[in-house]
Amino acid sequence: QAGSCSMSVSPVRNVVDNPPIYRVEGDRIVWYALKYEDGDRIKTVLH
């Protein structure tokens, strides 16, 4: 979107839900409202 993005990675196994860092929904990890100026959170998605 204009100032942020949402991303998810799937499938993932044995992950503990960790709000507000990310959410576990079924077999995927979801990140909502990743601000573009917060590169560390986007690096977490890549990790």
PDB file of all heavy atoms in Angstrom:
ATOM      1  N   GLN A   1       0.850  -1.184   0.000  1.00  0.00           N
ATOM      2  CA  GLN A   1       0.000   0.000   0.000  1.00  0.00           C
ATOM      3  C   GLN A   1       0.892   1.243   0.000  1.00  0.00           C
ATOM      4  O   GLN A   1       2.113   1.122  -0.071  1.00  0.00           O
ATOM      5  CB  GLN A   1      -0.942  -0.036   1.211  1.00  0.00           C
ATOM      6  CG  GLN A   1      -1.872  -1.232   1.226  1.00  0.00           C
ATOM      7  CD  GLN A   1      -2.785  -1.303   0.011  1.00  0.00           C
ATOM      8  OE1 GLN A   1      -3.288  -0.295  -0.464  1.00  0.00           O
ATOM      9  NE2 GLN A   1      -2.982  -2.507  -0.515  1.00  0.00           N
ATOM     10  N   ALA A   2       0.318   2.410   0.143  1.00  0.00           N
ATOM     11  CA  ALA A   2       1.070   3.665   0.026  1.00  0.00           C
ATOM     12  C   ALA A   2       2.220   3.762   1.027  1.00  0.00           C
ATOM     13  O   ALA A   2       3.326   4.123   0.657  1.00  0.00           O
ATOM     14  CB  ALA A   2       0.140   4.853   0.177  1.00  0.00           C
ATOM     15  N   GLY A   3       2.005   3.438   2.296  1.00  0.00           N
ATOM     16  CA  GLY A   3       3.047   3.620   3.304  1.00  0.00           C
ATOM     17  C   GLY A   3       3.436   2.373   4.052  1.00  0.00           C
ATOM     18  O   GLY A   3       4.279   2.416   4.944  1.00  0.00           O
ATOM     19  N   SER A   4       2.833   1.246   3.704  1.00  0.00           N
ATOM     20  CA  SER A   4       3.136   0.006   4.419  1.00  0.00           C
ATOM     21  C   SER A   4       2.767  -1.185   3.544  1.00  0.00           C
ATOM     22  O   SER A   4       2.182  -1.032   2.466  1.00  0.00           O
ATOM     23  CB  SER A   4       2.364  -0.060   5.742  1.00  0.00           C
ATOM     24  OG  SER A   4       0.979  -0.171   5.497  1.00  0.00           O
ATOM     25  N   CYS A   5       3.101  -2.366   4.029  1.00  0.00           N
ATOM     26  CA  CYS A   5       2.741  -3.584   3.316  1.00  0.00           C
ATOM     27  C   CYS A   5       2.429  -4.688   4.325  1.00  0.00           C
ATOM     28  O   CYS A   5       2.788  -4.604   5.491  1.00  0.00           O
ATOM     29  CB  CYS A   5       3.848  -4.028   2.370  1.00  0.00           C
ATOM     30  SG  CYS A   5       5.396  -4.477   3.176  1.00  0.00           S
ATOM     31  N   SER A   6       1.756  -5.711   3.830  1.00  0.00           N
ATOM     32  CA  SER A   6       1.517  -6.927   4.598  1.00  0.00           C
ATOM     33  C   SER A   6       2.146  -8.066   3.822  1.00  0.00           C
ATOM     34  O   SER A   6       2.122  -8.080   2.593  1.00  0.00           O
ATOM     35  CB  SER A   6       0.023  -7.198   4.751  1.00  0.00           C
ATOM     36  OG  SER A   6      -0.600  -6.153   5.433  1.00  0.00           O
ATOM     37  N   MET A   7       2.735  -9.007   4.540  1.00  0.00           N
ATOM     38  CA  MET A   7       3.330 -10.171   3.898  1.00  0.00           C
ATOM     39  C   MET A   7       3.087 -11.400   4.756  1.00  0.00           C
ATOM     40  O   MET A   7       2.922 -11.288   5.969  1.00  0.00           O
ATOM     41  CB  MET A   7       4.830  -9.969   3.696  1.00  0.00           C
ATOM     42  CG  MET A   7       5.162  -8.961   2.612  1.00  0.00           C
ATOM     43  SD  MET A   7       6.908  -8.925   2.189  1.00  0.00           S
ATOM     44  CE  MET A   7       7.504  -7.794   3.425  1.00  0.00           C
ATOM     45  N   SER A   8       3.075 -12.547   4.109  1.00  0.00           N
ATOM     46  CA  SER A   8       3.005 -13.811   4.846  1.00  0.00           C
ATOM     47  C   SER A   8       3.950 -14.807   4.200  1.00  0.00           C
ATOM     48  O   SER A   8       4.254 -14.717   3.012  1.00  0.00           O
ATOM     49  CB  SER A   8       1.576 -14.365   4.864  1.00  0.00           C
ATOM     50  OG  SER A   8       1.182 -14.790   3.581  1.00  0.00           O
ATOM     51  N   VAL A   9       4.410 -15.747   5.015  1.00  0.00           N
ATOM     52  CA  VAL A   9       5.279 -16.827   4.559  1.00  0.00           C
ATOM     53  C   VAL A   9       4.602 -18.134   4.940  1.00  0.00           C
ATOM     54  O   VAL A   9       4.149 -18.294   6.078  1.00  0.00           O
ATOM     55  CB  VAL A   9       6.676 -16.744   5.222  1.00  0.00           C
ATOM     56  CG1 VAL A   9       7.519 -17.954   4.860  1.00  0.00           C
ATOM     57  CG2 VAL A   9       7.391 -15.454   4.842  1.00  0.00           C
ATOM     58  N   SER A  10       4.533 -19.069   3.981  1.00  0.00           N
ATOM     59  CA  SER A  10       3.956 -20.380   4.272  1.00  0.00           C
ATOM     60  C   SER A  10       4.571 -21.426   3.354  1.00  0.00           C
ATOM     61  O   SER A  10       5.055 -21.102   2.278  1.00  0.00           O
ATOM     62  CB  SER A  10       2.438 -20.337   4.099  1.00  0.00           C
ATOM     63  OG  SER A  10       2.104 -20.088   2.747  1.00  0.00           O
ATOM     64  N   PRO A  11       4.594 -22.695   3.725  1.00  0.00           N
ATOM     65  CA  PRO A  11       4.188 -23.181   5.045  1.00  0.00           C
ATOM     66  C   PRO A  11       5.321 -23.020   6.057  1.00  0.00           C
ATOM     67  O   PRO A  11       6.485 -23.013   5.683  1.00  0.00           O
ATOM     68  CB  PRO A  11       3.917 -24.664   4.794  1.00  0.00           C
ATOM     69  CG  PRO A  11       4.872 -25.038   3.701  1.00  0.00           C
ATOM     70  CD  PRO A  11       4.998 -23.789   2.829  1.00  0.00           C
ATOM     71  N   VAL A  12       4.950 -22.882   7.285  1.00  0.00           N
ATOM     72  CA  VAL A  12       5.908 -22.860   8.389  1.00  0.00           C
ATOM     73  C   VAL A  12       5.458 -23.902   9.404  1.00  0.00           C
ATOM     74  O   VAL A  12       4.289 -24.218   9.501  1.00  0.00           O
ATOM     75  CB  VAL A  12       6.034 -21.464   9.056  1.00  0.00           C
ATOM     76  CG1 VAL A  12       6.651 -20.471   8.098  1.00  0.00           C
ATOM     77  CG2 VAL A  12       4.694 -20.953   9.553  1.00  0.00           C
ATOM     78  N   ARG A  13       6.395 -24.422  10.158  1.00  0.00           N
ATOM     79  CA  ARG A  13       6.104 -25.475  11.139  1.00  0.00           C
ATOM     80  C   ARG A  13       6.604 -25.053  12.514  1.00  0.00           C
ATOM     81  O   ARG A  13       7.622 -24.377  12.629  1.00  0.00           O
ATOM     82  CB  ARG A  13       6.808 -26.777  10.759  1.00  0.00           C
ATOM     83  CG  ARG A  13       6.633 -27.224   9.335  1.00  0.00           C
ATOM     84  CD  ARG A  13       5.326 -27.984   9.139  1.00  0.00           C
ATOM     85  NE  ARG A  13       5.238 -28.618   7.842  1.00  0.00           N
ATOM     86  CZ  ARG A  13       4.842 -28.019   6.731  1.00  0.00           C
ATOM     87  NH1 ARG A  13       4.540 -26.759   6.733  1.00  0.00           N
ATOM     88  NH2 ARG A  13       4.746 -28.677   5.590  1.00  0.00           N
ATOM     89  N   ASN A  14       5.882 -25.455  13.526  1.00  0.00           N
ATOM     90  CA  ASN A  14       6.321 -25.292  14.919  1.00  0.00           C
ATOM     91  C   ASN A  14       6.719 -23.855  15.264  1.00  0.00           C
ATOM     92  O   ASN A  14       7.783 -23.610  15.821  1.00  0.00           O
ATOM     93  CB  ASN A  14       7.495 -26.234  15.217  1.00  0.00           C
ATOM     94  CG  ASN A  14       7.149 -27.671  14.937  1.00  0.00           C
ATOM     95  OD1 ASN A  14       6.061 -28.117  15.246  1.00  0.00           O
ATOM     96  ND2 ASN A  14       8.062 -28.398  14.328  1.00  0.00           N
ATOM     97  N   VAL A  15       5.873 -22.918  14.933  1.00  0.00           N
ATOM     98  CA  VAL A  15       6.134 -21.508  15.223  1.00  0.00           C
ATOM     99  C   VAL A  15       5.155 -21.049  16.295  1.00  0.00           C
ATOM    100  O   VAL A  15       3.971 -21.364  16.250  1.00  0.00           O
ATOM    101  CB  VAL A  15       5.969 -20.642  13.958  1.00  0.00           C
ATOM    102  CG1 VAL A  15       6.197 -19.182  14.271  1.00  0.00           C
ATOM    103  CG2 VAL A  15       6.919 -21.110  12.881  1.00  0.00           C
ATOM    104  N   VAL A  16       5.676 -20.307  17.265  1.00  0.00           N
ATOM    105  CA  VAL A  16       4.847 -19.778  18.338  1.00  0.00           C
ATOM    106  C   VAL A  16       4.336 -18.398  17.921  1.00  0.00           C
ATOM    107  O   VAL A  16       5.096 -17.577  17.407  1.00  0.00           O
ATOM    108  CB  VAL A  16       5.655 -19.674  19.648  1.00  0.00           C
ATOM    109  CG1 VAL A  16       4.826 -19.050  20.750  1.00  0.00           C
ATOM    110  CG2 VAL A  16       6.161 -21.041  20.063  1.00  0.00           C
ATOM    111  N   ASP A  17       3.048 -18.146  18.125  1.00  0.00           N
ATOM    112  CA  ASP A  17       2.472 -16.841  17.816  1.00  0.00           C
ATOM    113  C   ASP A  17       3.200 -15.771  18.623  1.00  0.00           C
ATOM    114  O   ASP A  17       3.480 -15.966  19.808  1.00  0.00           O
ATOM    115  CB  ASP A  17       0.984 -16.846  18.153  1.00  0.00           C
ATOM    116  CG  ASP A  17       0.196 -15.836  17.346  1.00  0.00           C
ATOM    117  OD1 ASP A  17       0.764 -15.224  16.425  1.00  0.00           O
ATOM    118  OD2 ASP A  17      -0.998 -15.671  17.642  1.00  0.00           O
ATOM    119  N   ASN A  18       3.525 -14.647  18.009  1.00  0.00           N
ATOM    120  CA  ASN A  18       4.347 -13.634  18.648  1.00  0.00           C
ATOM    121  C   ASN A  18       3.864 -12.219  18.320  1.00  0.00           C
ATOM    122  O   ASN A  18       4.601 -11.438  17.729  1.00  0.00           O
ATOM    123  CB  ASN A  18       5.800 -13.827  18.204  1.00  0.00           C
ATOM    124  CG  ASN A  18       6.767 -12.996  19.012  1.00  0.00           C
ATOM    125  OD1 ASN A  18       6.433 -12.465  20.052  1.00  0.00           O
ATOM    126  ND2 ASN A  18       7.978 -12.880  18.522  1.00  0.00           N
ATOM    127  N   PRO A  19       2.602 -11.871  18.684  1.00  0.00           N
ATOM    128  CA  PRO A  19       2.156 -10.511  18.414  1.00  0.00           C
ATOM    129  C   PRO A  19       2.929  -9.518  19.274  1.00  0.00           C
ATOM    130  O   PRO A  19       3.331  -9.890  20.370  1.00  0.00           O
ATOM    131  CB  PRO A  19       0.679 -10.526  18.780  1.00  0.00           C
ATOM    132  CG  PRO A  19       0.418 -11.821  19.451  1.00  0.00           C
ATOM    133  CD  PRO A  19       1.634 -12.687  19.339  1.00  0.00           C
ATOM    134  N   PRO A  20       3.217  -8.318  18.886  1.00  0.00           N
ATOM    135  CA  PRO A  20       2.847  -7.678  17.620  1.00  0.00           C
ATOM    136  C   PRO A  20       3.885  -7.879  16.531  1.00  0.00           C
ATOM    137  O   PRO A  20       3.789  -7.274  15.474  1.00  0.00           O
ATOM    138  CB  PRO A  20       2.768  -6.215  18.010  1.00  0.00           C
ATOM    139  CG  PRO A  20       3.852  -6.063  19.023  1.00  0.00           C
ATOM    140  CD  PRO A  20       3.852  -7.370  19.799  1.00  0.00           C
ATOM    141  N   ILE A  21       4.888  -8.739  16.761  1.00  0.00           N
ATOM    142  CA  ILE A  21       5.928  -8.969  15.762  1.00  0.00           C
ATOM    143  C   ILE A  21       5.327  -9.623  14.519  1.00  0.00           C
ATOM    144  O   ILE A  21       5.568  -9.208  13.400  1.00  0.00           O
ATOM    145  CB  ILE A  21       7.063  -9.858  16.328  1.00  0.00           C
ATOM    146  CG1 ILE A  21       7.591  -9.322  17.659  1.00  0.00           C
ATOM    147  CG2 ILE A  21       8.166 -10.019  15.308  1.00  0.00           C
ATOM    148  CD1 ILE A  21       8.216  -7.949  17.599  1.00  0.00           C
ATOM    149  N   TYR A  22       4.571 -10.694  14.712  1.00  0.00           N
ATOM    150  CA  TYR A  22       3.873 -11.374  13.625  1.00  0.00           C
ATOM    151  C   TYR A  22       2.738 -12.189  14.212  1.00  0.00           C
ATOM    152  O   TYR A  22       2.606 -12.324  15.429  1.00  0.00           O
ATOM    153  CB  TYR A  22       4.812 -12.270  12.807  1.00  0.00           C
ATOM    154  CG  TYR A  22       5.548 -13.320  13.621  1.00  0.00           C
ATOM    155  CD1 TYR A  22       4.901 -14.468  14.072  1.00  0.00           C
ATOM    156  CD2 TYR A  22       6.895 -13.175  13.929  1.00  0.00           C
ATOM    157  CE1 TYR A  22       5.571 -15.417  14.815  1.00  0.00           C
ATOM    158  CE2 TYR A  22       7.574 -14.124  14.662  1.00  0.00           C
ATOM    159  CZ  TYR A  22       6.904 -15.246  15.094  1.00  0.00           C
ATOM    160  OH  TYR A  22       7.572 -16.187  15.826  1.00  0.00           O
ATOM    161  N   ARG A  23       1.911 -12.721  13.356  1.00  0.00           N
ATOM    162  CA  ARG A  23       0.801 -13.580  13.750  1.00  0.00           C
ATOM    163  C   ARG A  23       0.956 -14.923  13.063  1.00  0.00           C
ATOM    164  O   ARG A  23       1.371 -14.988  11.910  1.00  0.00           O
ATOM    165  CB  ARG A  23      -0.523 -12.968  13.285  1.00  0.00           C
ATOM    166  CG  ARG A  23      -1.001 -11.906  14.196  1.00  0.00           C
ATOM    167  CD  ARG A  23      -2.126 -12.548  14.947  1.00  0.00           C
ATOM    168  NE  ARG A  23      -2.791 -11.690  15.856  1.00  0.00           N
ATOM    169  CZ  ARG A  23      -2.817 -11.922  17.155  1.00  0.00           C
ATOM    170  NH1 ARG A  23      -2.160 -12.914  17.674  1.00  0.00           N
ATOM    171  NH2 ARG A  23      -3.507 -11.166  17.936  1.00  0.00           N
ATOM    172  N   VAL A  24       0.622 -15.987  13.749  1.00  0.00           N
ATOM    173  CA  VAL A  24       0.584 -17.306  13.133  1.00  0.00           C
ATOM    174  C   VAL A  24      -0.872 -17.616  12.819  1.00  0.00           C
ATOM    175  O   VAL A  24      -1.727 -17.555  13.693  1.00  0.00           O
ATOM    176  CB  VAL A  24       1.183 -18.386  14.058  1.00  0.00           C
ATOM    177  CG1 VAL A  24       1.029 -19.766  13.433  1.00  0.00           C
ATOM    178  CG2 VAL A  24       2.636 -18.084  14.353  1.00  0.00           C
ATOM    179  N   GLU A  25      -1.144 -17.890  11.548  1.00  0.00           N
ATOM    180  CA  GLU A  25      -2.495 -18.237  11.094  1.00  0.00           C
ATOM    181  C   GLU A  25      -2.397 -19.537  10.316  1.00  0.00           C
ATOM    182  O   GLU A  25      -1.941 -19.553   9.173  1.00  0.00           O
ATOM    183  CB  GLU A  25      -3.070 -17.119  10.225  1.00  0.00           C
ATOM    184  CG  GLU A  25      -3.249 -15.805  10.982  1.00  0.00           C
ATOM    185  CD  GLU A  25      -3.751 -14.668  10.104  1.00  0.00           C
ATOM    186  OE1 GLU A  25      -3.920 -14.863   8.884  1.00  0.00           O
ATOM    187  OE2 GLU A  25      -3.962 -13.582  10.654  1.00  0.00           O
ATOM    188  N   GLY A  26      -2.781 -20.621  10.950  1.00  0.00           N
ATOM    189  CA  GLY A  26      -2.650 -21.931  10.308  1.00  0.00           C
ATOM    190  C   GLY A  26      -1.191 -22.286  10.125  1.00  0.00           C
ATOM    191  O   GLY A  26      -0.422 -22.312  11.079  1.00  0.00           O
ATOM    192  N   ASP A  27      -0.786 -22.506   8.871  1.00  0.00           N
ATOM    193  CA  ASP A  27       0.609 -22.877   8.596  1.00  0.00           C
ATOM    194  C   ASP A  27       1.398 -21.704   8.015  1.00  0.00           C
ATOM    195  O   ASP A  27       2.374 -21.901   7.310  1.00  0.00           O
ATOM    196  CB  ASP A  27       0.674 -24.081   7.655  1.00  0.00           C
ATOM    197  CG  ASP A  27       0.244 -23.742   6.232  1.00  0.00           C
ATOM    198  OD1 ASP A  27      -0.404 -22.689   6.027  1.00  0.00           O
ATOM    199  OD2 ASP A  27       0.565 -24.523   5.321  1.00  0.00           O
ATOM    200  N   ARG A  28       0.977 -20.480   8.326  1.00  0.00           N
ATOM    201  CA  ARG A  28       1.705 -19.326   7.803  1.00  0.00           C
ATOM    202  C   ARG A  28       1.926 -18.269   8.877  1.00  0.00           C
ATOM    203  O   ARG A  28       1.167 -18.169   9.833  1.00  0.00           O
ATOM    204  CB  ARG A  28       0.988 -18.714   6.600  1.00  0.00           C
ATOM    205  CG  ARG A  28      -0.344 -18.089   6.936  1.00  0.00           C
ATOM    206  CD  ARG A  28      -1.091 -17.670   5.682  1.00  0.00           C
ATOM    207  NE  ARG A  28      -2.278 -16.931   6.076  1.00  0.00           N
ATOM    208  CZ  ARG A  28      -2.631 -15.761   5.594  1.00  0.00           C
ATOM    209  NH1 ARG A  28      -1.894 -15.195   4.666  1.00  0.00           N
ATOM    210  NH2 ARG A  28      -3.716 -15.163   6.014  1.00  0.00           N
ATOM    211  N   ILE A  29       3.011 -17.515   8.694  1.00  0.00           N
ATOM    212  CA  ILE A  29       3.306 -16.363   9.543  1.00  0.00           C
ATOM    213  C   ILE A  29       2.880 -15.128   8.764  1.00  0.00           C
ATOM    214  O   ILE A  29       3.195 -15.003   7.577  1.00  0.00           O
ATOM    215  CB  ILE A  29       4.810 -16.250   9.858  1.00  0.00           C
ATOM    216  CG1 ILE A  29       5.308 -17.480  10.601  1.00  0.00           C
ATOM    217  CG2 ILE A  29       5.090 -15.000  10.680  1.00  0.00           C
ATOM    218  CD1 ILE A  29       6.810 -17.463  10.829  1.00  0.00           C
ATOM    219  N   VAL A  30       2.162 -14.226   9.425  1.00  0.00           N
ATOM    220  CA  VAL A  30       1.652 -13.026   8.759  1.00  0.00           C
ATOM    221  C   VAL A  30       2.165 -11.784   9.467  1.00  0.00           C
ATOM    222  O   VAL A  30       2.144 -11.700  10.696  1.00  0.00           O
ATOM    223  CB  VAL A  30       0.109 -13.013   8.756  1.00  0.00           C
ATOM    224  CG1 VAL A  30      -0.415 -11.787   8.027  1.00  0.00           C
ATOM    225  CG2 VAL A  30      -0.444 -14.290   8.154  1.00  0.00           C
ATOM    226  N   TRP A  31       2.626 -10.829   8.684  1.00  0.00           N
ATOM    227  CA  TRP A  31       3.034  -9.517   9.185  1.00  0.00           C
ATOM    228  C   TRP A  31       2.096  -8.498   8.591  1.00  0.00           C
ATOM    229  O   TRP A  31       1.944  -8.417   7.372  1.00  0.00           O
ATOM    230  CB  TRP A  31       4.457  -9.173   8.745  1.00  0.00           C
ATOM    231  CG  TRP A  31       5.516 -10.002   9.363  1.00  0.00           C
ATOM    232  CD1 TRP A  31       6.263  -9.681  10.454  1.00  0.00           C
ATOM    233  CD2 TRP A  31       5.991 -11.272   8.933  1.00  0.00           C
ATOM    234  NE1 TRP A  31       7.161 -10.675  10.723  1.00  0.00           N
ATOM    235  CE2 TRP A  31       7.016 -11.666   9.804  1.00  0.00           C
ATOM    236  CE3 TRP A  31       5.646 -12.132   7.880  1.00  0.00           C
ATOM    237  CZ2 TRP A  31       7.695 -12.861   9.664  1.00  0.00           C
ATOM    238  CZ3 TRP A  31       6.318 -13.321   7.741  1.00  0.00           C
ATOM    239  CH2 TRP A  31       7.327 -13.676   8.627  1.00  0.00           C
ATOM    240  N   TYR A  32       1.445  -7.722   9.447  1.00  0.00           N
ATOM    241  CA  TYR A  32       0.563  -6.658   8.997  1.00  0.00           C
ATOM    242  C   TYR A  32       1.246  -5.314   9.233  1.00  0.00           C
ATOM    243  O   TYR A  32       2.036  -5.165  10.158  1.00  0.00           O
ATOM    244  CB  TYR A  32      -0.758  -6.677   9.779  1.00  0.00           C
ATOM    245  CG  TYR A  32      -1.575  -7.919   9.538  1.00  0.00           C
ATOM    246  CD1 TYR A  32      -1.625  -8.937  10.485  1.00  0.00           C
ATOM    247  CD2 TYR A  32      -2.289  -8.089   8.365  1.00  0.00           C
ATOM    248  CE1 TYR A  32      -2.383 -10.085  10.266  1.00  0.00           C
ATOM    249  CE2 TYR A  32      -3.044  -9.231   8.138  1.00  0.00           C
ATOM    250  CZ  TYR A  32      -3.084 -10.217   9.088  1.00  0.00           C
ATOM    251  OH  TYR A  32      -3.826 -11.352   8.859  1.00  0.00           O
ATOM    252  N   ALA A  33       0.923  -4.335   8.414  1.00  0.00           N
ATOM    253  CA  ALA A  33       1.359  -2.943   8.597  1.00  0.00           C
ATOM    254  C   ALA A  33       2.867  -2.818   8.775  1.00  0.00           C
ATOM    255  O   ALA A  33       3.345  -2.193   9.708  1.00  0.00           O
ATOM    256  CB  ALA A  33       0.616  -2.295   9.772  1.00  0.00           C
ATOM    257  N   LEU A  34       3.615  -3.433   7.868  1.00  0.00           N
ATOM    258  CA  LEU A  34       5.070  -3.263   7.863  1.00  0.00           C
ATOM    259  C   LEU A  34       5.370  -1.889   7.262  1.00  0.00           C
ATOM    260  O   LEU A  34       5.161  -1.668   6.075  1.00  0.00           O
ATOM    261  CB  LEU A  34       5.738  -4.343   7.016  1.00  0.00           C
ATOM    262  CG  LEU A  34       5.709  -5.763   7.564  1.00  0.00           C
ATOM    263  CD1 LEU A  34       6.041  -6.757   6.462  1.00  0.00           C
ATOM    264  CD2 LEU A  34       6.678  -5.896   8.712  1.00  0.00           C
ATOM    265  N   LYS A  35       5.800  -0.972   8.085  1.00  0.00           N
ATOM    266  CA  LYS A  35       6.129   0.380   7.613  1.00  0.00           C
ATOM    267  C   LYS A  35       7.421   0.329   6.810  1.00  0.00           C
ATOM    268  O   LYS A  35       8.363  -0.362   7.174  1.00  0.00           O
ATOM    269  CB  LYS A  35       6.295   1.351   8.787  1.00  0.00           C
ATOM    270  CG  LYS A  35       5.074   1.463   9.667  1.00  0.00           C
ATOM    271  CD  LYS A  35       4.006   2.252   8.970  1.00  0.00           C
ATOM    272  CE  LYS A  35       2.829   2.452   9.919  1.00  0.00           C
ATOM    273  NZ  LYS A  35       1.612   2.748   9.236  1.00  0.00           N
ATOM    274  N   TYR A  36       7.457   1.058   5.726  1.00  0.00           N
ATOM    275  CA  TYR A  36       8.627   1.020   4.855  1.00  0.00           C
ATOM    276  C   TYR A  36       9.888   1.523   5.547  1.00  0.00           C
ATOM    277  O   TYR A  36      10.979   1.087   5.233  1.00  0.00           O
ATOM    278  CB  TYR A  36       8.367   1.812   3.579  1.00  0.00           C
ATOM    279  CG  TYR A  36       7.273   1.213   2.735  1.00  0.00           C
ATOM    280  CD1 TYR A  36       6.439   2.009   1.978  1.00  0.00           C
ATOM    281  CD2 TYR A  36       7.069  -0.165   2.698  1.00  0.00           C
ATOM    282  CE1 TYR A  36       5.435   1.460   1.200  1.00  0.00           C
ATOM    283  CE2 TYR A  36       6.067  -0.723   1.926  1.00  0.00           C
ATOM    284  CZ  TYR A  36       5.256   0.102   1.177  1.00  0.00           C
ATOM    285  OH  TYR A  36       4.268  -0.451   0.415  1.00  0.00           O
ATOM    286  N   GLU A  37       9.733   2.418   6.501  1.00  0.00           N
ATOM    287  CA  GLU A  37      10.922   2.930   7.199  1.00  0.00           C
ATOM    288  C   GLU A  37      11.418   1.982   8.290  1.00  0.00           C
ATOM    289  O   GLU A  37      12.425   2.248   8.928  1.00  0.00           O
ATOM    290  CB  GLU A  37      10.664   4.326   7.785  1.00  0.00           C
ATOM    291  CG  GLU A  37       9.494   4.419   8.722  1.00  0.00           C
ATOM    292  CD  GLU A  37       8.159   4.717   8.032  1.00  0.00           C
ATOM    293  OE1 GLU A  37       8.073   4.736   6.804  1.00  0.00           O
ATOM    294  OE2 GLU A  37       7.175   4.912   8.755  1.00  0.00           O
ATOM    295  N   ASP A  38      10.732   0.867   8.504  1.00  0.00           N
ATOM    296  CA  ASP A  38      11.124  -0.107   9.521  1.00  0.00           C
ATOM    297  C   ASP A  38      11.751  -1.334   8.853  1.00  0.00           C
ATOM    298  O   ASP A  38      11.165  -2.406   8.797  1.00  0.00           O
ATOM    299  CB  ASP A  38       9.917  -0.500  10.371  1.00  0.00           C
ATOM    300  CG  ASP A  38      10.293  -1.342  11.576  1.00  0.00           C
ATOM    301  OD1 ASP A  38      11.505  -1.565  11.788  1.00  0.00           O
ATOM    302  OD2 ASP A  38       9.384  -1.770  12.295  1.00  0.00           O
ATOM    303  N   GLY A  39      12.943  -1.154   8.317  1.00  0.00           N
ATOM    304  CA  GLY A  39      13.622  -2.216   7.591  1.00  0.00           C
ATOM    305  C   GLY A  39      13.892  -3.461   8.409  1.00  0.00           C
ATOM    306  O   GLY A  39      13.938  -4.565   7.867  1.00  0.00           O
ATOM    307  N   ASP A  40      14.060  -3.316   9.734  1.00  0.00           N
ATOM    308  CA  ASP A  40      14.336  -4.488  10.566  1.00  0.00           C
ATOM    309  C   ASP A  40      13.177  -5.474  10.545  1.00  0.00           C
ATOM    310  O   ASP A  40      13.392  -6.685  10.542  1.00  0.00           O
ATOM    311  CB  ASP A  40      14.651  -4.074  12.002  1.00  0.00           C
ATOM    312  CG  ASP A  40      16.018  -3.433  12.130  1.00  0.00           C
ATOM    313  OD1 ASP A  40      16.851  -3.623  11.218  1.00  0.00           O
ATOM    314  OD2 ASP A  40      16.248  -2.733  13.133  1.00  0.00           O
ATOM    315  N   ARG A  41      11.949  -4.972  10.537  1.00  0.00           N
ATOM    316  CA  ARG A  41      10.801  -5.890  10.487  1.00  0.00           C
ATOM    317  C   ARG A  41      10.722  -6.579   9.130  1.00  0.00           C
ATOM    318  O   ARG A  41      10.364  -7.749   9.038  1.00  0.00           O
ATOM    319  CB  ARG A  41       9.505  -5.147  10.793  1.00  0.00           C
ATOM    320  CG  ARG A  41       9.397  -4.770  12.267  1.00  0.00           C
ATOM    321  CD  ARG A  41       8.049  -4.201  12.633  1.00  0.00           C
ATOM    322  NE  ARG A  41       7.016  -5.220  12.530  1.00  0.00           N
ATOM    323  CZ  ARG A  41       5.747  -4.947  12.216  1.00  0.00           C
ATOM    324  NH1 ARG A  41       5.363  -3.718  11.972  1.00  0.00           N
ATOM    325  NH2 ARG A  41       4.856  -5.916  12.146  1.00  0.00           N
ATOM    326  N   ILE A  42      11.066  -5.860   8.068  1.00  0.00           N
ATOM    327  CA  ILE A  42      11.054  -6.472   6.744  1.00  0.00           C
ATOM    328  C   ILE A  42      12.164  -7.520   6.649  1.00  0.00           C
ATOM    329  O   ILE A  42      11.967  -8.594   6.064  1.00  0.00           O
ATOM    330  CB  ILE A  42      11.157  -5.397   5.647  1.00  0.00           C
ATOM    331  CG1 ILE A  42       9.883  -4.531   5.678  1.00  0.00           C
ATOM    332  CG2 ILE A  42      11.367  -6.027   4.269  1.00  0.00           C
ATOM    333  CD1 ILE A  42       9.901  -3.334   4.778  1.00  0.00           C
ATOM    334  N   LYS A  43      13.310  -7.267   7.257  1.00  0.00           N
ATOM    335  CA  LYS A  43      14.387  -8.265   7.297  1.00  0.00           C
ATOM    336  C   LYS A  43      13.933  -9.519   8.030  1.00  0.00           C
ATOM    337  O   LYS A  43      14.351 -10.626   7.693  1.00  0.00           O
ATOM    338  CB  LYS A  43      15.629  -7.691   7.972  1.00  0.00           C
ATOM    339  CG  LYS A  43      16.377  -6.695   7.125  1.00  0.00           C
ATOM    340  CD  LYS A  43      17.573  -6.156   7.886  1.00  0.00           C
ATOM    341  CE  LYS A  43      18.254  -5.038   7.144  1.00  0.00           C
ATOM    342  NZ  LYS A  43      19.346  -4.448   7.931  1.00  0.00           N
ATOM    343  N   THR A  44      13.074  -9.377   9.023  1.00  0.00           N
ATOM    344  CA  THR A  44      12.536 -10.531   9.749  1.00  0.00           C
ATOM    345  C   THR A  44      11.741 -11.431   8.810  1.00  0.00           C
ATOM    346  O   THR A  44      11.818 -12.655   8.902  1.00  0.00           O
ATOM    347  CB  THR A  44      11.647 -10.076  10.927  1.00  0.00           C
ATOM    348  OG1 THR A  44      12.426  -9.289  11.809  1.00  0.00           O
ATOM    349  CG2 THR A  44      11.066 -11.254  11.685  1.00  0.00           C
ATOM    350  N   VAL A  45      10.978 -10.829   7.893  1.00  0.00           N
ATOM    351  CA  VAL A  45      10.227 -11.618   6.912  1.00  0.00           C
ATOM    352  C   VAL A  45      11.196 -12.459   6.079  1.00  0.00           C
ATOM    353  O   VAL A  45      10.983 -13.660   5.878  1.00  0.00           O
ATOM    354  CB  VAL A  45       9.383 -10.709   5.995  1.00  0.00           C
ATOM    355  CG1 VAL A  45       8.679 -11.534   4.925  1.00  0.00           C
ATOM    356  CG2 VAL A  45       8.374  -9.904   6.799  1.00  0.00           C
ATOM    357  N   LEU A  46      12.270 -11.842   5.609  1.00  0.00           N
ATOM    358  CA  LEU A  46      13.251 -12.552   4.792  1.00  0.00           C
ATOM    359  C   LEU A  46      13.920 -13.669   5.589  1.00  0.00           C
ATOM    360  O   LEU A  46      14.151 -14.774   5.076  1.00  0.00           O
ATOM    361  CB  LEU A  46      14.290 -11.578   4.255  1.00  0.00           C
ATOM    362  CG  LEU A  46      13.740 -10.452   3.376  1.00  0.00           C
ATOM    363  CD1 LEU A  46      14.822  -9.442   3.067  1.00  0.00           C
ATOM    364  CD2 LEU A  46      13.119 -11.011   2.106  1.00  0.00           C
ATOM    365  N   HIS A  47      14.212 -13.400   6.865  1.00  0.00           N
ATOM    366  CA  HIS A  47      14.816 -14.406   7.742  1.00  0.00           C
ATOM    367  C   HIS A  47      13.878 -15.605   7.903  1.00  0.00           C
ATOM    368  O   HIS A  47      14.295 -16.766   7.790  1.00  0.00           O
ATOM    369  CB  HIS A  47      15.130 -13.760   9.093  1.00  0.00           C
ATOM    370  CG  HIS A  47      15.755 -14.677  10.071  1.00  0.00           C
ATOM    371  ND1 HIS A  47      17.069 -15.069   9.999  1.00  0.00           N
ATOM    372  CD2 HIS A  47      15.225 -15.311  11.157  1.00  0.00           C
ATOM    373  CE1 HIS A  47      17.326 -15.894  11.005  1.00  0.00           C
ATOM    374  NE2 HIS A  47      16.231 -16.050  11.706  1.00  0.00           N
TER     375      HIS A  47
END
